[in-house]
Protein backbone atom coordinates (compact mmCIF):
# COMPACT_ATOMS: atom_id res chain seq x y z
CA UNK A 1 59.42 -157.10 -152.44
CA UNK A 2 58.83 -153.49 -151.41
CA UNK A 3 60.45 -151.85 -148.40
CA UNK A 4 57.21 -151.74 -146.41
CA UNK A 5 56.91 -155.49 -146.63
CA UNK A 6 60.28 -155.82 -144.97
CA UNK A 7 59.56 -153.09 -142.44
CA UNK A 8 62.15 -150.72 -143.86
CA UNK A 9 61.93 -147.29 -142.28
CA UNK A 10 61.48 -144.34 -144.55
CA UNK A 11 60.64 -146.39 -147.62
CA UNK A 12 63.52 -146.22 -150.08
CA UNK A 13 64.41 -148.74 -152.71
CA UNK A 14 65.37 -152.17 -151.48
CA UNK A 15 67.47 -154.72 -153.30
CA UNK A 16 68.32 -158.20 -152.06
CA UNK A 17 71.55 -160.10 -151.60
CA UNK A 18 72.03 -163.85 -151.20
CA UNK A 19 73.92 -165.65 -148.42
CA UNK A 20 76.45 -167.82 -150.30
CA UNK A 21 77.11 -170.67 -147.88
CA UNK A 22 76.44 -172.52 -144.66
CA UNK A 23 73.17 -173.28 -142.91
CA UNK A 24 71.39 -170.24 -144.39
CA UNK A 25 72.79 -170.68 -147.91
CA UNK A 26 70.63 -169.11 -150.66
CA UNK A 27 68.51 -167.07 -148.23
CA UNK A 28 67.98 -163.52 -149.44
CA UNK A 29 68.28 -160.46 -147.24
CA UNK A 30 67.06 -156.98 -148.11
CA UNK A 31 69.50 -154.12 -148.60
CA UNK A 32 68.20 -150.56 -148.26
CA UNK A 33 69.36 -147.92 -150.68
CA UNK A 34 71.61 -145.66 -148.61
CA UNK A 35 74.60 -143.46 -149.50
CA UNK A 36 77.87 -145.35 -149.29
CA UNK A 37 76.21 -148.73 -148.65
CA UNK A 38 77.78 -151.29 -150.98
CA UNK A 39 77.42 -154.91 -149.85
CA UNK A 40 80.40 -157.13 -150.58
CA UNK A 41 79.69 -158.94 -153.88
CA UNK A 42 78.96 -162.69 -153.92
CA UNK A 43 82.21 -163.58 -155.68
CA UNK A 44 84.33 -161.68 -153.16
CA UNK A 45 82.45 -163.25 -150.22
CA UNK A 46 82.95 -166.72 -151.69
CA UNK A 47 86.69 -165.99 -151.99
CA UNK A 48 86.83 -164.66 -148.43
CA UNK A 49 85.16 -167.73 -146.94
CA UNK A 50 87.36 -170.03 -149.01
CA UNK A 51 90.31 -168.24 -147.39
CA UNK A 52 88.82 -168.49 -143.90
CA UNK A 53 87.52 -172.02 -144.23
CA UNK A 54 83.83 -172.77 -144.36
CA UNK A 55 83.51 -173.87 -140.73
CA UNK A 56 83.75 -170.94 -138.31
CA UNK A 57 82.38 -172.93 -135.36
CA UNK A 58 83.01 -171.33 -132.01
CA UNK A 59 84.42 -168.05 -133.34
CA UNK A 60 83.45 -164.65 -131.99
CA UNK A 61 83.11 -162.18 -134.89
CA UNK A 62 82.79 -158.42 -135.16
CA UNK A 63 81.31 -156.79 -138.27
CA UNK A 64 82.32 -153.22 -137.46
CA UNK A 65 80.76 -151.40 -140.44
CA UNK A 66 77.88 -153.84 -140.84
CA UNK A 67 75.58 -152.10 -143.32
CA UNK A 68 73.27 -154.88 -144.54
CA UNK A 69 75.01 -157.34 -142.22
CA UNK A 70 75.88 -159.73 -145.04
CA UNK A 71 79.42 -160.50 -143.81
CA UNK A 72 78.27 -161.18 -140.26
CA UNK A 73 75.33 -163.25 -141.48
CA UNK A 74 77.67 -165.28 -143.71
CA UNK A 75 79.88 -165.95 -140.65
CA UNK A 76 76.91 -166.99 -138.49
CA UNK A 77 75.62 -169.18 -141.32
CA UNK A 78 78.97 -170.99 -141.20
CA UNK A 79 78.77 -171.64 -137.46
CA UNK A 80 80.24 -168.58 -135.72
CA UNK A 81 79.21 -168.71 -132.06
CA UNK A 82 78.61 -164.97 -131.73
CA UNK A 83 78.50 -162.14 -134.25
CA UNK A 84 78.36 -158.49 -133.22
CA UNK A 85 77.19 -156.19 -136.03
CA UNK A 86 77.82 -152.46 -135.59
CA UNK A 87 76.12 -149.82 -137.75
CA UNK A 88 75.95 -146.06 -137.21
CA UNK A 89 73.25 -144.91 -139.66
CA UNK A 90 69.77 -145.12 -138.07
CA UNK A 91 67.88 -146.17 -141.20
CA UNK A 92 70.47 -148.76 -142.20
CA UNK A 93 70.59 -150.02 -138.60
CA UNK A 94 66.82 -150.58 -138.55
CA UNK A 95 67.16 -152.71 -141.67
CA UNK A 96 70.13 -154.56 -140.13
CA UNK A 97 68.17 -155.23 -136.93
CA UNK A 98 65.30 -156.60 -139.00
CA UNK A 99 67.71 -158.80 -141.00
CA UNK A 100 69.19 -160.23 -137.78
CA UNK A 101 65.76 -160.89 -136.28
CA UNK A 102 64.87 -162.98 -139.35
CA UNK A 103 67.68 -165.40 -138.45
CA UNK A 104 69.11 -166.51 -135.09
CA UNK A 105 68.90 -163.67 -132.57
CA UNK A 106 70.88 -165.67 -129.98
CA UNK A 107 74.04 -165.56 -132.12
CA UNK A 108 73.53 -162.14 -133.69
CA UNK A 109 73.95 -158.89 -131.76
CA UNK A 110 73.15 -155.76 -133.80
CA UNK A 111 74.38 -152.56 -132.13
CA UNK A 112 73.81 -148.99 -133.27
CA UNK A 113 77.07 -147.14 -132.69
CA UNK A 114 79.98 -145.36 -134.29
CA UNK A 115 82.74 -147.88 -135.12
CA UNK A 116 85.47 -145.99 -133.27
CA UNK A 117 83.35 -145.49 -130.16
CA UNK A 118 82.31 -149.13 -130.17
CA UNK A 119 85.90 -150.40 -130.50
CA UNK A 120 87.01 -148.21 -127.58
CA UNK A 121 84.04 -149.28 -125.45
CA UNK A 122 84.49 -152.98 -126.29
CA UNK A 123 88.15 -152.77 -125.20
CA UNK A 124 87.10 -151.23 -121.87
CA UNK A 125 84.58 -154.05 -121.39
CA UNK A 126 87.20 -156.71 -122.15
CA UNK A 127 85.42 -157.98 -125.27
CA UNK A 128 87.66 -159.98 -127.60
CA UNK A 129 87.05 -161.14 -131.15
CA UNK A 130 88.56 -163.92 -133.26
CA UNK A 131 87.52 -162.47 -136.62
CA UNK A 132 86.89 -158.87 -137.70
CA UNK A 133 85.10 -157.61 -140.80
CA UNK A 134 86.23 -154.08 -141.71
CA UNK A 135 84.41 -152.66 -144.72
CA UNK A 136 84.15 -148.93 -143.98
CA UNK A 137 82.94 -146.13 -146.27
CA UNK A 138 85.73 -145.18 -148.64
CA UNK A 139 87.84 -142.01 -148.59
CA UNK A 140 87.07 -141.19 -144.95
CA UNK A 141 90.24 -142.64 -143.33
CA UNK A 142 88.25 -145.00 -141.10
CA UNK A 143 90.88 -147.75 -141.12
CA UNK A 144 93.69 -145.34 -140.27
CA UNK A 145 91.72 -144.15 -137.22
CA UNK A 146 90.69 -147.68 -136.27
CA UNK A 147 94.07 -149.50 -136.30
CA UNK A 148 95.23 -148.00 -132.95
CA UNK A 149 92.00 -149.18 -131.23
CA UNK A 150 92.10 -152.78 -132.41
CA UNK A 151 94.76 -154.16 -130.00
CA UNK A 152 92.23 -153.82 -127.17
CA UNK A 153 89.71 -156.19 -128.82
CA UNK A 154 91.89 -158.79 -130.54
CA UNK A 155 94.46 -161.40 -129.62
CA UNK A 156 97.32 -163.18 -131.29
CA UNK A 157 96.03 -165.00 -134.34
CA UNK A 158 92.92 -162.85 -134.78
CA UNK A 159 92.12 -162.48 -138.44
CA UNK A 160 90.60 -159.45 -140.11
CA UNK A 161 88.98 -158.99 -143.50
CA UNK A 162 89.33 -155.45 -144.83
CA UNK A 163 87.99 -153.78 -147.96
CA UNK A 164 89.41 -150.52 -149.22
CA UNK A 165 89.62 -148.29 -152.27
CA UNK A 166 93.37 -149.01 -152.53
CA UNK A 167 95.79 -151.76 -151.58
CA UNK A 168 96.43 -151.79 -147.82
CA UNK A 169 99.74 -151.54 -146.04
CA UNK A 170 98.60 -152.78 -142.63
CA UNK A 171 100.45 -151.53 -139.56
CA UNK A 172 102.32 -153.94 -137.30
CA UNK A 173 101.44 -156.30 -135.70
CA UNK A 174 99.04 -156.98 -138.59
CA UNK A 175 100.21 -158.64 -141.76
CA UNK A 176 98.36 -159.16 -145.03
CA UNK A 177 98.20 -162.91 -145.73
CA UNK A 178 95.91 -162.85 -148.79
CA UNK A 179 94.58 -160.13 -151.06
CA UNK A 180 92.57 -159.64 -154.19
CA UNK A 181 90.84 -157.07 -156.33
CA UNK A 182 87.39 -156.94 -157.89
CA UNK A 183 86.86 -153.87 -160.04
CA UNK A 184 87.61 -150.83 -157.88
CA UNK A 185 87.54 -152.85 -154.62
CA UNK A 186 90.71 -154.13 -152.96
CA UNK A 187 90.11 -156.84 -150.38
CA UNK A 188 92.54 -158.27 -147.84
CA UNK A 189 92.81 -161.00 -145.24
CA UNK A 190 95.05 -159.92 -142.39
CA UNK A 191 96.38 -161.73 -139.34
CA UNK A 192 97.35 -160.29 -135.98
CA UNK A 193 100.80 -161.70 -135.13
């Protein structure tokens, strides 16, 4: 399907990615072609949700570098009560907003913002999350700048999924509980102690 059919701003090639589980299993969402946008592959998402458990009922989730929104949509598909999806790039955000509108707008909250600014603002507002998805652009030190802001939006037992170009050494009070590698991608499940 072409980008105009999906309402993608600025045209641009569009590919599609499949939700792997839950109520929206097998539904396809469009992914715009944008620099640095690399949706988490099916196999890695299946591993992640095996680690997390397939029922995320009642959880509040934050997809902080949302891109296509696939991680947040997977969480909502598996019952998450609320999913906040943050994306900075205007064109990618418009696609994300469209993707969210095609599902359940009551559980999905797309927000256009910088990840660091959003984390600081969410802490000031007293927002707390049970599960974080952290899949930032590589080689820009996003995670290093983000770690100090996370205590304001998480609690004991909060879990975080992080992708990176290298194996992570998470700062305390985070600990890596599971990890894997797919090609050049290192992925980690962390827990806030």
